[in-house]
Amino acid sequence: MNKVVIQCVNVCKEYPMYSHITGGLKNFLFHFPSYIKEMKKSYFTALKNISFDVLAGETVGIIGRNGAGKSTILGLVAGVLRPTLGQVTVHGRLAPLLQLGAG
């Protein structure tokens, strides 16, 4: 039986969306609490409930359209990013090729 070397369980990743300040600095300072509250509300969900296992000796490729979350998954597995929810476990050594144009 092969051993699991990479395991992702119900992984979600969200990024906060920061809207630009409209109305100038004076308006921002006078309405600061409402701006902060509004910034906390909006998030971009890059990954939602992703689960998979990679066994020892397997080769894995991640294919998808632009914006599908391929680099986000690799960043989570490499330990560069942390998941918002869920758990990513890596047993052993990992050599990620991220954003290098290696292909």
PDB file of N, CA and C in Angstrom:
ATOM      1  N   MET A   1       0.845  -1.195   0.000  1.00  0.00           N
ATOM      2  CA  MET A   1       0.000   0.000   0.000  1.00  0.00           C
ATOM      3  C   MET A   1       0.884   1.251   0.000  1.00  0.00           C
ATOM      4  N   ASN A   2       0.614   2.160  -0.917  1.00  0.00           N
ATOM      5  CA  ASN A   2       1.393   3.396  -1.007  1.00  0.00           C
ATOM      6  C   ASN A   2       1.004   4.373   0.083  1.00  0.00           C
ATOM      7  N   LYS A   3       1.963   5.168   0.482  1.00  0.00           N
ATOM      8  CA  LYS A   3       1.739   6.131   1.551  1.00  0.00           C
ATOM      9  C   LYS A   3       1.356   7.485   0.956  1.00  0.00           C
ATOM     10  N   VAL A   4       0.472   8.206   1.627  1.00  0.00           N
ATOM     11  CA  VAL A   4       0.032   9.531   1.191  1.00  0.00           C
ATOM     12  C   VAL A   4       1.125  10.532   1.539  1.00  0.00           C
ATOM     13  N   VAL A   5       1.617  11.274   0.508  1.00  0.00           N
ATOM     14  CA  VAL A   5       2.671  12.259   0.754  1.00  0.00           C
ATOM     15  C   VAL A   5       2.135  13.692   0.748  1.00  0.00           C
ATOM     16  N   ILE A   6       1.062  13.936   0.016  1.00  0.00           N
ATOM     17  CA  ILE A   6       0.401  15.248   0.029  1.00  0.00           C
ATOM     18  C   ILE A   6      -1.087  15.010   0.222  1.00  0.00           C
ATOM     19  N   GLN A   7      -1.647  15.692   1.218  1.00  0.00           N
ATOM     20  CA  GLN A   7      -3.073  15.534   1.500  1.00  0.00           C
ATOM     21  C   GLN A   7      -3.697  16.907   1.719  1.00  0.00           C
ATOM     22  N   CYS A   8      -4.746  17.193   0.964  1.00  0.00           N
ATOM     23  CA  CYS A   8      -5.519  18.416   1.136  1.00  0.00           C
ATOM     24  C   CYS A   8      -6.943  18.005   1.491  1.00  0.00           C
ATOM     25  N   VAL A   9      -7.454  18.554   2.583  1.00  0.00           N
ATOM     26  CA  VAL A   9      -8.790  18.191   3.067  1.00  0.00           C
ATOM     27  C   VAL A   9      -9.627  19.457   3.203  1.00  0.00           C
ATOM     28  N   ASN A  10     -10.683  19.566   2.378  1.00  0.00           N
ATOM     29  CA  ASN A  10     -11.632  20.692   2.417  1.00  0.00           C
ATOM     30  C   ASN A  10     -10.932  22.050   2.478  1.00  0.00           C
ATOM     31  N   VAL A  11     -10.005  22.270   1.584  1.00  0.00           N
ATOM     32  CA  VAL A  11      -9.209  23.494   1.577  1.00  0.00           C
ATOM     33  C   VAL A  11      -9.978  24.618   0.899  1.00  0.00           C
ATOM     34  N   CYS A  12     -10.027  25.751   1.569  1.00  0.00           N
ATOM     35  CA  CYS A  12     -10.614  26.971   1.025  1.00  0.00           C
ATOM     36  C   CYS A  12      -9.589  28.086   1.161  1.00  0.00           C
ATOM     37  N   LYS A  13      -9.541  28.965   0.174  1.00  0.00           N
ATOM     38  CA  LYS A  13      -8.651  30.123   0.240  1.00  0.00           C
ATOM     39  C   LYS A  13      -9.415  31.337  -0.229  1.00  0.00           C
ATOM     40  N   GLU A  14      -9.452  32.364   0.623  1.00  0.00           N
ATOM     41  CA  GLU A  14     -10.122  33.618   0.318  1.00  0.00           C
ATOM     42  C   GLU A  14      -9.138  34.763   0.460  1.00  0.00           C
ATOM     43  N   TYR A  15      -9.278  35.748  -0.406  1.00  0.00           N
ATOM     44  CA  TYR A  15      -8.463  36.955  -0.354  1.00  0.00           C
ATOM     45  C   TYR A  15      -9.382  38.146  -0.108  1.00  0.00           C
ATOM     46  N   PRO A  16      -9.004  39.061   0.801  1.00  0.00           N
ATOM     47  CA  PRO A  16      -9.835  40.249   1.008  1.00  0.00           C
ATOM     48  C   PRO A  16      -9.756  41.159  -0.213  1.00  0.00           C
ATOM     49  N   MET A  17     -10.877  41.755  -0.547  1.00  0.00           N
ATOM     50  CA  MET A  17     -10.929  42.696  -1.675  1.00  0.00           C
ATOM     51  C   MET A  17     -10.958  44.108  -1.115  1.00  0.00           C
ATOM     52  N   TYR A  18      -9.950  44.869  -1.462  1.00  0.00           N
ATOM     53  CA  TYR A  18      -9.852  46.236  -0.994  1.00  0.00           C
ATOM     54  C   TYR A  18     -10.311  47.164  -2.105  1.00  0.00           C
ATOM     55  N   SER A  19     -11.391  47.859  -1.848  1.00  0.00           N
ATOM     56  CA  SER A  19     -11.864  48.822  -2.834  1.00  0.00           C
ATOM     57  C   SER A  19     -11.090  50.124  -2.654  1.00  0.00           C
ATOM     58  N   HIS A  20     -10.961  50.858  -3.713  1.00  0.00           N
ATOM     59  CA  HIS A  20     -10.227  52.116  -3.633  1.00  0.00           C
ATOM     60  C   HIS A  20     -11.045  53.150  -2.869  1.00  0.00           C
ATOM     61  N   ILE A  21     -10.348  54.105  -2.307  1.00  0.00           N
ATOM     62  CA  ILE A  21     -10.995  55.148  -1.505  1.00  0.00           C
ATOM     63  C   ILE A  21     -11.548  56.208  -2.450  1.00  0.00           C
ATOM     64  N   THR A  22     -12.850  56.417  -2.377  1.00  0.00           N
ATOM     65  CA  THR A  22     -13.473  57.452  -3.198  1.00  0.00           C
ATOM     66  C   THR A  22     -13.895  58.602  -2.303  1.00  0.00           C
ATOM     67  N   GLY A  23     -13.847  59.790  -2.820  1.00  0.00           N
ATOM     68  CA  GLY A  23     -14.289  60.954  -2.063  1.00  0.00           C
ATOM     69  C   GLY A  23     -13.164  61.686  -1.371  1.00  0.00           C
ATOM     70  N   GLY A  24     -11.937  61.231  -1.505  1.00  0.00           N
ATOM     71  CA  GLY A  24     -10.797  61.931  -0.933  1.00  0.00           C
ATOM     72  C   GLY A  24     -10.455  61.497   0.476  1.00  0.00           C
ATOM     73  N   LEU A  25      -9.354  62.018   0.936  1.00  0.00           N
ATOM     74  CA  LEU A  25      -8.813  61.668   2.250  1.00  0.00           C
ATOM     75  C   LEU A  25      -9.709  62.171   3.383  1.00  0.00           C
ATOM     76  N   LYS A  26     -10.245  63.362   3.243  1.00  0.00           N
ATOM     77  CA  LYS A  26     -11.111  63.927   4.281  1.00  0.00           C
ATOM     78  C   LYS A  26     -12.342  63.045   4.507  1.00  0.00           C
ATOM     79  N   ASN A  27     -12.987  62.614   3.413  1.00  0.00           N
ATOM     80  CA  ASN A  27     -14.147  61.744   3.505  1.00  0.00           C
ATOM     81  C   ASN A  27     -13.760  60.402   4.145  1.00  0.00           C
ATOM     82  N   PHE A  28     -12.583  59.885   3.782  1.00  0.00           N
ATOM     83  CA  PHE A  28     -12.105  58.622   4.353  1.00  0.00           C
ATOM     84  C   PHE A  28     -11.920  58.745   5.862  1.00  0.00           C
ATOM     85  N   LEU A  29     -11.296  59.825   6.317  1.00  0.00           N
ATOM     86  CA  LEU A  29     -11.042  59.999   7.748  1.00  0.00           C
ATOM     87  C   LEU A  29     -12.332  60.166   8.550  1.00  0.00           C
ATOM     88  N   PHE A  30     -13.300  60.894   8.003  1.00  0.00           N
ATOM     89  CA  PHE A  30     -14.551  61.098   8.730  1.00  0.00           C
ATOM     90  C   PHE A  30     -15.442  59.856   8.749  1.00  0.00           C
ATOM     91  N   HIS A  31     -15.292  58.983   7.763  1.00  0.00           N
ATOM     92  CA  HIS A  31     -16.109  57.774   7.684  1.00  0.00           C
ATOM     93  C   HIS A  31     -15.257  56.511   7.825  1.00  0.00           C
ATOM     94  N   PHE A  32     -14.177  56.612   8.580  1.00  0.00           N
ATOM     95  CA  PHE A  32     -13.226  55.514   8.726  1.00  0.00           C
ATOM     96  C   PHE A  32     -13.865  54.205   9.197  1.00  0.00           C
ATOM     97  N   PRO A  33     -14.708  54.194  10.260  1.00  0.00           N
ATOM     98  CA  PRO A  33     -15.302  52.918  10.702  1.00  0.00           C
ATOM     99  C   PRO A  33     -16.149  52.235   9.624  1.00  0.00           C
ATOM    100  N   SER A  34     -16.895  53.019   8.861  1.00  0.00           N
ATOM    101  CA  SER A  34     -17.718  52.393   7.820  1.00  0.00           C
ATOM    102  C   SER A  34     -16.855  51.853   6.679  1.00  0.00           C
ATOM    103  N   TYR A  35     -15.726  52.517   6.374  1.00  0.00           N
ATOM    104  CA  TYR A  35     -14.814  52.006   5.349  1.00  0.00           C
ATOM    105  C   TYR A  35     -14.198  50.676   5.795  1.00  0.00           C
ATOM    106  N   ILE A  36     -13.796  50.590   7.051  1.00  0.00           N
ATOM    107  CA  ILE A  36     -13.198  49.358   7.582  1.00  0.00           C
ATOM    108  C   ILE A  36     -14.225  48.237   7.563  1.00  0.00           C
ATOM    109  N   LYS A  37     -15.450  48.522   7.964  1.00  0.00           N
ATOM    110  CA  LYS A  37     -16.507  47.517   7.973  1.00  0.00           C
ATOM    111  C   LYS A  37     -16.787  47.003   6.559  1.00  0.00           C
ATOM    112  N   GLU A  38     -16.800  47.920   5.594  1.00  0.00           N
ATOM    113  CA  GLU A  38     -17.045  47.543   4.204  1.00  0.00           C
ATOM    114  C   GLU A  38     -15.905  46.683   3.646  1.00  0.00           C
ATOM    115  N   MET A  39     -14.664  47.006   4.020  1.00  0.00           N
ATOM    116  CA  MET A  39     -13.516  46.232   3.544  1.00  0.00           C
ATOM    117  C   MET A  39     -13.533  44.813   4.102  1.00  0.00           C
ATOM    118  N   LYS A  40     -14.020  44.627   5.310  1.00  0.00           N
ATOM    119  CA  LYS A  40     -14.065  43.306   5.925  1.00  0.00           C
ATOM    120  C   LYS A  40     -15.138  42.416   5.295  1.00  0.00           C
ATOM    121  N   LYS A  41     -16.125  43.010   4.642  1.00  0.00           N
ATOM    122  CA  LYS A  41     -17.238  42.244   4.088  1.00  0.00           C
ATOM    123  C   LYS A  41     -16.888  41.527   2.790  1.00  0.00           C
ATOM    124  N   SER A  42     -16.055  42.125   1.965  1.00  0.00           N
ATOM    125  CA  SER A  42     -15.872  41.603   0.613  1.00  0.00           C
ATOM    126  C   SER A  42     -14.605  40.746   0.506  1.00  0.00           C
ATOM    127  N   TYR A  43     -14.800  39.514   0.035  1.00  0.00           N
ATOM    128  CA  TYR A  43     -13.710  38.566  -0.156  1.00  0.00           C
ATOM    129  C   TYR A  43     -13.828  37.920  -1.527  1.00  0.00           C
ATOM    130  N   PHE A  44     -12.683  37.572  -2.098  1.00  0.00           N
ATOM    131  CA  PHE A  44     -12.648  36.805  -3.336  1.00  0.00           C
ATOM    132  C   PHE A  44     -12.296  35.374  -2.976  1.00  0.00           C
ATOM    133  N   THR A  45     -13.150  34.422  -3.322  1.00  0.00           N
ATOM    134  CA  THR A  45     -12.912  33.015  -3.027  1.00  0.00           C
ATOM    135  C   THR A  45     -12.152  32.394  -4.194  1.00  0.00           C
ATOM    136  N   ALA A  46     -10.876  32.066  -3.950  1.00  0.00           N
ATOM    137  CA  ALA A  46     -10.037  31.469  -4.994  1.00  0.00           C
ATOM    138  C   ALA A  46     -10.237  29.956  -5.053  1.00  0.00           C
ATOM    139  N   LEU A  47     -10.358  29.313  -3.890  1.00  0.00           N
ATOM    140  CA  LEU A  47     -10.578  27.867  -3.806  1.00  0.00           C
ATOM    141  C   LEU A  47     -11.688  27.591  -2.815  1.00  0.00           C
ATOM    142  N   LYS A  48     -12.500  26.599  -3.114  1.00  0.00           N
ATOM    143  CA  LYS A  48     -13.608  26.265  -2.210  1.00  0.00           C
ATOM    144  C   LYS A  48     -13.738  24.748  -2.112  1.00  0.00           C
ATOM    145  N   ASN A  49     -13.523  24.216  -0.925  1.00  0.00           N
ATOM    146  CA  ASN A  49     -13.699  22.793  -0.602  1.00  0.00           C
ATOM    147  C   ASN A  49     -12.952  21.862  -1.562  1.00  0.00           C
ATOM    148  N   ILE A  50     -11.645  22.043  -1.652  1.00  0.00           N
ATOM    149  CA  ILE A  50     -10.797  21.202  -2.496  1.00  0.00           C
ATOM    150  C   ILE A  50     -10.186  20.105  -1.634  1.00  0.00           C
ATOM    151  N   SER A  51     -10.340  18.855  -2.065  1.00  0.00           N
ATOM    152  CA  SER A  51      -9.765  17.712  -1.353  1.00  0.00           C
ATOM    153  C   SER A  51      -9.103  16.773  -2.357  1.00  0.00           C
ATOM    154  N   PHE A  52      -7.878  16.345  -2.046  1.00  0.00           N
ATOM    155  CA  PHE A  52      -7.203  15.344  -2.864  1.00  0.00           C
ATOM    156  C   PHE A  52      -6.033  14.763  -2.090  1.00  0.00           C
ATOM    157  N   ASP A  53      -5.588  13.586  -2.516  1.00  0.00           N
ATOM    158  CA  ASP A  53      -4.413  12.912  -1.951  1.00  0.00           C
ATOM    159  C   ASP A  53      -3.453  12.604  -3.082  1.00  0.00           C
ATOM    160  N   VAL A  54      -2.161  12.732  -2.813  1.00  0.00           N
ATOM    161  CA  VAL A  54      -1.128  12.319  -3.756  1.00  0.00           C
ATOM    162  C   VAL A  54      -0.314  11.246  -3.058  1.00  0.00           C
ATOM    163  N   LEU A  55      -0.238  10.080  -3.683  1.00  0.00           N
ATOM    164  CA  LEU A  55       0.492   8.957  -3.109  1.00  0.00           C
ATOM    165  C   LEU A  55       1.955   8.992  -3.539  1.00  0.00           C
ATOM    166  N   ALA A  56       2.813   8.328  -2.780  1.00  0.00           N
ATOM    167  CA  ALA A  56       4.232   8.257  -3.096  1.00  0.00           C
ATOM    168  C   ALA A  56       4.421   7.628  -4.467  1.00  0.00           C
ATOM    169  N   GLY A  57       5.258   8.251  -5.292  1.00  0.00           N
ATOM    170  CA  GLY A  57       5.536   7.732  -6.619  1.00  0.00           C
ATOM    171  C   GLY A  57       4.628   8.248  -7.703  1.00  0.00           C
ATOM    172  N   GLU A  58       3.572   8.960  -7.350  1.00  0.00           N
ATOM    173  CA  GLU A  58       2.652   9.500  -8.345  1.00  0.00           C
ATOM    174  C   GLU A  58       3.184  10.816  -8.924  1.00  0.00           C
ATOM    175  N   THR A  59       2.801  11.083 -10.151  1.00  0.00           N
ATOM    176  CA  THR A  59       3.073  12.367 -10.799  1.00  0.00           C
ATOM    177  C   THR A  59       1.738  13.057 -11.003  1.00  0.00           C
ATOM    178  N   VAL A  60       1.683  14.330 -10.632  1.00  0.00           N
ATOM    179  CA  VAL A  60       0.420  15.060 -10.669  1.00  0.00           C
ATOM    180  C   VAL A  60       0.578  16.311 -11.525  1.00  0.00           C
ATOM    181  N   GLY A  61      -0.402  16.566 -12.364  1.00  0.00           N
ATOM    182  CA  GLY A  61      -0.460  17.802 -13.135  1.00  0.00           C
ATOM    183  C   GLY A  61      -1.749  18.525 -12.820  1.00  0.00           C
ATOM    184  N   ILE A  62      -1.675  19.840 -12.747  1.00  0.00           N
ATOM    185  CA  ILE A  62      -2.863  20.649 -12.466  1.00  0.00           C
ATOM    186  C   ILE A  62      -3.163  21.465 -13.716  1.00  0.00           C
ATOM    187  N   ILE A  63      -4.332  21.247 -14.279  1.00  0.00           N
ATOM    188  CA  ILE A  63      -4.719  21.880 -15.534  1.00  0.00           C
ATOM    189  C   ILE A  63      -5.999  22.676 -15.301  1.00  0.00           C
ATOM    190  N   GLY A  64      -6.069  23.859 -15.880  1.00  0.00           N
ATOM    191  CA  GLY A  64      -7.283  24.657 -15.772  1.00  0.00           C
ATOM    192  C   GLY A  64      -7.138  25.980 -16.486  1.00  0.00           C
ATOM    193  N   ARG A  65      -8.230  26.688 -16.586  1.00  0.00           N
ATOM    194  CA  ARG A  65      -8.249  28.002 -17.229  1.00  0.00           C
ATOM    195  C   ARG A  65      -7.546  29.038 -16.361  1.00  0.00           C
ATOM    196  N   ASN A  66      -7.322  30.207 -16.937  1.00  0.00           N
ATOM    197  CA  ASN A  66      -6.765  31.321 -16.175  1.00  0.00           C
ATOM    198  C   ASN A  66      -7.717  31.668 -15.030  1.00  0.00           C
ATOM    199  N   GLY A  67      -7.162  31.834 -13.843  1.00  0.00           N
ATOM    200  CA  GLY A  67      -7.973  32.184 -12.682  1.00  0.00           C
ATOM    201  C   GLY A  67      -8.657  31.013 -12.018  1.00  0.00           C
ATOM    202  N   ALA A  68      -8.311  29.787 -12.410  1.00  0.00           N
ATOM    203  CA  ALA A  68      -8.966  28.605 -11.843  1.00  0.00           C
ATOM    204  C   ALA A  68      -8.412  28.224 -10.474  1.00  0.00           C
ATOM    205  N   GLY A  69      -7.240  28.736 -10.095  1.00  0.00           N
ATOM    206  CA  GLY A  69      -6.673  28.439  -8.778  1.00  0.00           C
ATOM    207  C   GLY A  69      -5.480  27.502  -8.803  1.00  0.00           C
ATOM    208  N   LYS A  70      -4.872  27.293  -9.967  1.00  0.00           N
ATOM    209  CA  LYS A  70      -3.734  26.372 -10.076  1.00  0.00           C
ATOM    210  C   LYS A  70      -2.554  26.847  -9.239  1.00  0.00           C
ATOM    211  N   SER A  71      -2.167  28.092  -9.384  1.00  0.00           N
ATOM    212  CA  SER A  71      -1.036  28.637  -8.626  1.00  0.00           C
ATOM    213  C   SER A  71      -1.355  28.716  -7.137  1.00  0.00           C
ATOM    214  N   THR A  72      -2.606  28.951  -6.797  1.00  0.00           N
ATOM    215  CA  THR A  72      -3.016  28.994  -5.394  1.00  0.00           C
ATOM    216  C   THR A  72      -2.859  27.624  -4.750  1.00  0.00           C
ATOM    217  N   ILE A  73      -3.266  26.565  -5.447  1.00  0.00           N
ATOM    218  CA  ILE A  73      -3.096  25.211  -4.920  1.00  0.00           C
ATOM    219  C   ILE A  73      -1.623  24.903  -4.724  1.00  0.00           C
ATOM    220  N   LEU A  74      -0.791  25.235  -5.718  1.00  0.00           N
ATOM    221  CA  LEU A  74       0.644  24.982  -5.590  1.00  0.00           C
ATOM    222  C   LEU A  74       1.259  25.781  -4.451  1.00  0.00           C
ATOM    223  N   GLY A  75       0.810  27.029  -4.275  1.00  0.00           N
ATOM    224  CA  GLY A  75       1.294  27.840  -3.162  1.00  0.00           C
ATOM    225  C   GLY A  75       0.922  27.261  -1.809  1.00  0.00           C
ATOM    226  N   LEU A  76      -0.276  26.703  -1.698  1.00  0.00           N
ATOM    227  CA  LEU A  76      -0.707  26.068  -0.453  1.00  0.00           C
ATOM    228  C   LEU A  76       0.107  24.813  -0.162  1.00  0.00           C
ATOM    229  N   VAL A  77       0.325  23.999  -1.194  1.00  0.00           N
ATOM    230  CA  VAL A  77       1.087  22.762  -1.005  1.00  0.00           C
ATOM    231  C   VAL A  77       2.545  23.080  -0.673  1.00  0.00           C
ATOM    232  N   ALA A  78       3.105  24.125  -1.296  1.00  0.00           N
ATOM    233  CA  ALA A  78       4.497  24.503  -1.051  1.00  0.00           C
ATOM    234  C   ALA A  78       4.691  25.167   0.301  1.00  0.00           C
ATOM    235  N   GLY A  79       3.615  25.623   0.925  1.00  0.00           N
ATOM    236  CA  GLY A  79       3.731  26.288   2.217  1.00  0.00           C
ATOM    237  C   GLY A  79       3.937  27.784   2.098  1.00  0.00           C
ATOM    238  N   VAL A  80       3.838  28.320   0.885  1.00  0.00           N
ATOM    239  CA  VAL A  80       3.976  29.758   0.671  1.00  0.00           C
ATOM    240  C   VAL A  80       2.718  30.484   1.142  1.00  0.00           C
ATOM    241  N   LEU A  81       1.563  29.851   0.957  1.00  0.00           N
ATOM    242  CA  LEU A  81       0.274  30.393   1.384  1.00  0.00           C
ATOM    243  C   LEU A  81      -0.328  29.502   2.470  1.00  0.00           C
ATOM    244  N   ARG A  82      -1.197  30.079   3.262  1.00  0.00           N
ATOM    245  CA  ARG A  82      -1.945  29.314   4.265  1.00  0.00           C
ATOM    246  C   ARG A  82      -3.407  29.276   3.862  1.00  0.00           C
ATOM    247  N   PRO A  83      -4.055  28.119   4.065  1.00  0.00           N
ATOM    248  CA  PRO A  83      -5.480  28.047   3.709  1.00  0.00           C
ATOM    249  C   PRO A  83      -6.340  28.841   4.687  1.00  0.00           C
ATOM    250  N   THR A  84      -7.427  29.409   4.174  1.00  0.00           N
ATOM    251  CA  THR A  84      -8.395  30.089   5.035  1.00  0.00           C
ATOM    252  C   THR A  84      -9.122  29.056   5.892  1.00  0.00           C
ATOM    253  N   LEU A  85      -9.523  27.954   5.274  1.00  0.00           N
ATOM    254  CA  LEU A  85     -10.151  26.826   5.962  1.00  0.00           C
ATOM    255  C   LEU A  85      -9.525  25.545   5.434  1.00  0.00           C
ATOM    256  N   GLY A  86      -9.623  24.491   6.202  1.00  0.00           N
ATOM    257  CA  GLY A  86      -9.119  23.199   5.763  1.00  0.00           C
ATOM    258  C   GLY A  86      -7.688  22.964   6.201  1.00  0.00           C
ATOM    259  N   GLN A  87      -7.118  21.872   5.696  1.00  0.00           N
ATOM    260  CA  GLN A  87      -5.780  21.478   6.122  1.00  0.00           C
ATOM    261  C   GLN A  87      -4.992  20.916   4.941  1.00  0.00           C
ATOM    262  N   VAL A  88      -3.741  21.347   4.834  1.00  0.00           N
ATOM    263  CA  VAL A  88      -2.812  20.835   3.833  1.00  0.00           C
ATOM    264  C   VAL A  88      -1.662  20.177   4.586  1.00  0.00           C
ATOM    265  N   THR A  89      -1.412  18.884   4.304  1.00  0.00           N
ATOM    266  CA  THR A  89      -0.349  18.138   4.965  1.00  0.00           C
ATOM    267  C   THR A  89       0.604  17.598   3.916  1.00  0.00           C
ATOM    268  N   VAL A  90       1.901  17.847   4.120  1.00  0.00           N
ATOM    269  CA  VAL A  90       2.931  17.349   3.213  1.00  0.00           C
ATOM    270  C   VAL A  90       3.917  16.533   4.034  1.00  0.00           C
ATOM    271  N   HIS A  91       4.130  15.283   3.629  1.00  0.00           N
ATOM    272  CA  HIS A  91       5.100  14.409   4.285  1.00  0.00           C
ATOM    273  C   HIS A  91       6.296  14.263   3.353  1.00  0.00           C
ATOM    274  N   GLY A  92       7.467  14.619   3.824  1.00  0.00           N
ATOM    275  CA  GLY A  92       8.660  14.510   2.997  1.00  0.00           C
ATOM    276  C   GLY A  92       9.071  15.861   2.445  1.00  0.00           C
ATOM    277  N   ARG A  93      10.006  15.816   1.482  1.00  0.00           N
ATOM    278  CA  ARG A  93      10.538  17.035   0.885  1.00  0.00           C
ATOM    279  C   ARG A  93       9.759  17.405  -0.360  1.00  0.00           C
ATOM    280  N   LEU A  94       9.727  18.698  -0.649  1.00  0.00           N
ATOM    281  CA  LEU A  94       8.970  19.208  -1.775  1.00  0.00           C
ATOM    282  C   LEU A  94       9.814  20.267  -2.470  1.00  0.00           C
ATOM    283  N   ALA A  95       9.877  20.226  -3.788  1.00  0.00           N
ATOM    284  CA  ALA A  95      10.607  21.237  -4.570  1.00  0.00           C
ATOM    285  C   ALA A  95       9.628  21.894  -5.531  1.00  0.00           C
ATOM    286  N   PRO A  96       8.950  22.971  -5.093  1.00  0.00           N
ATOM    287  CA  PRO A  96       7.940  23.609  -5.941  1.00  0.00           C
ATOM    288  C   PRO A  96       8.575  24.502  -7.003  1.00  0.00           C
ATOM    289  N   LEU A  97       7.990  24.517  -8.190  1.00  0.00           N
ATOM    290  CA  LEU A  97       8.357  25.452  -9.249  1.00  0.00           C
ATOM    291  C   LEU A  97       7.177  26.381  -9.443  1.00  0.00           C
ATOM    292  N   LEU A  98       7.218  27.508  -8.741  1.00  0.00           N
ATOM    293  CA  LEU A  98       6.104  28.452  -8.768  1.00  0.00           C
ATOM    294  C   LEU A  98       6.463  29.705  -9.554  1.00  0.00           C
ATOM    295  N   GLN A  99       5.609  30.089 -10.477  1.00  0.00           N
ATOM    296  CA  GLN A  99       5.708  31.350 -11.202  1.00  0.00           C
ATOM    297  C   GLN A  99       7.062  31.547 -11.857  1.00  0.00           C
ATOM    298  N   LEU A 100       7.683  30.476 -12.306  1.00  0.00           N
ATOM    299  CA  LEU A 100       8.997  30.579 -12.905  1.00  0.00           C
ATOM    300  C   LEU A 100       8.972  30.498 -14.425  1.00  0.00           C
ATOM    301  N   GLY A 101       7.859  30.164 -14.983  1.00  0.00           N
ATOM    302  CA  GLY A 101       7.808  29.957 -16.411  1.00  0.00           C
ATOM    303  C   GLY A 101       8.613  28.726 -16.793  1.00  0.00           C
ATOM    304  N   ALA A 102       8.555  27.703 -15.965  1.00  0.00           N
ATOM    305  CA  ALA A 102       9.367  26.500 -16.149  1.00  0.00           C
ATOM    306  C   ALA A 102       8.942  25.703 -17.366  1.00  0.00           C
ATOM    307  N   GLY A 103       7.726  25.900 -17.856  1.00  0.00           N
ATOM    308  CA  GLY A 103       7.231  25.118 -18.986  1.00  0.00           C
ATOM    309  C   GLY A 103       7.661  25.685 -20.229  1.00  0.00           C
TER     310      GLY A 103
END
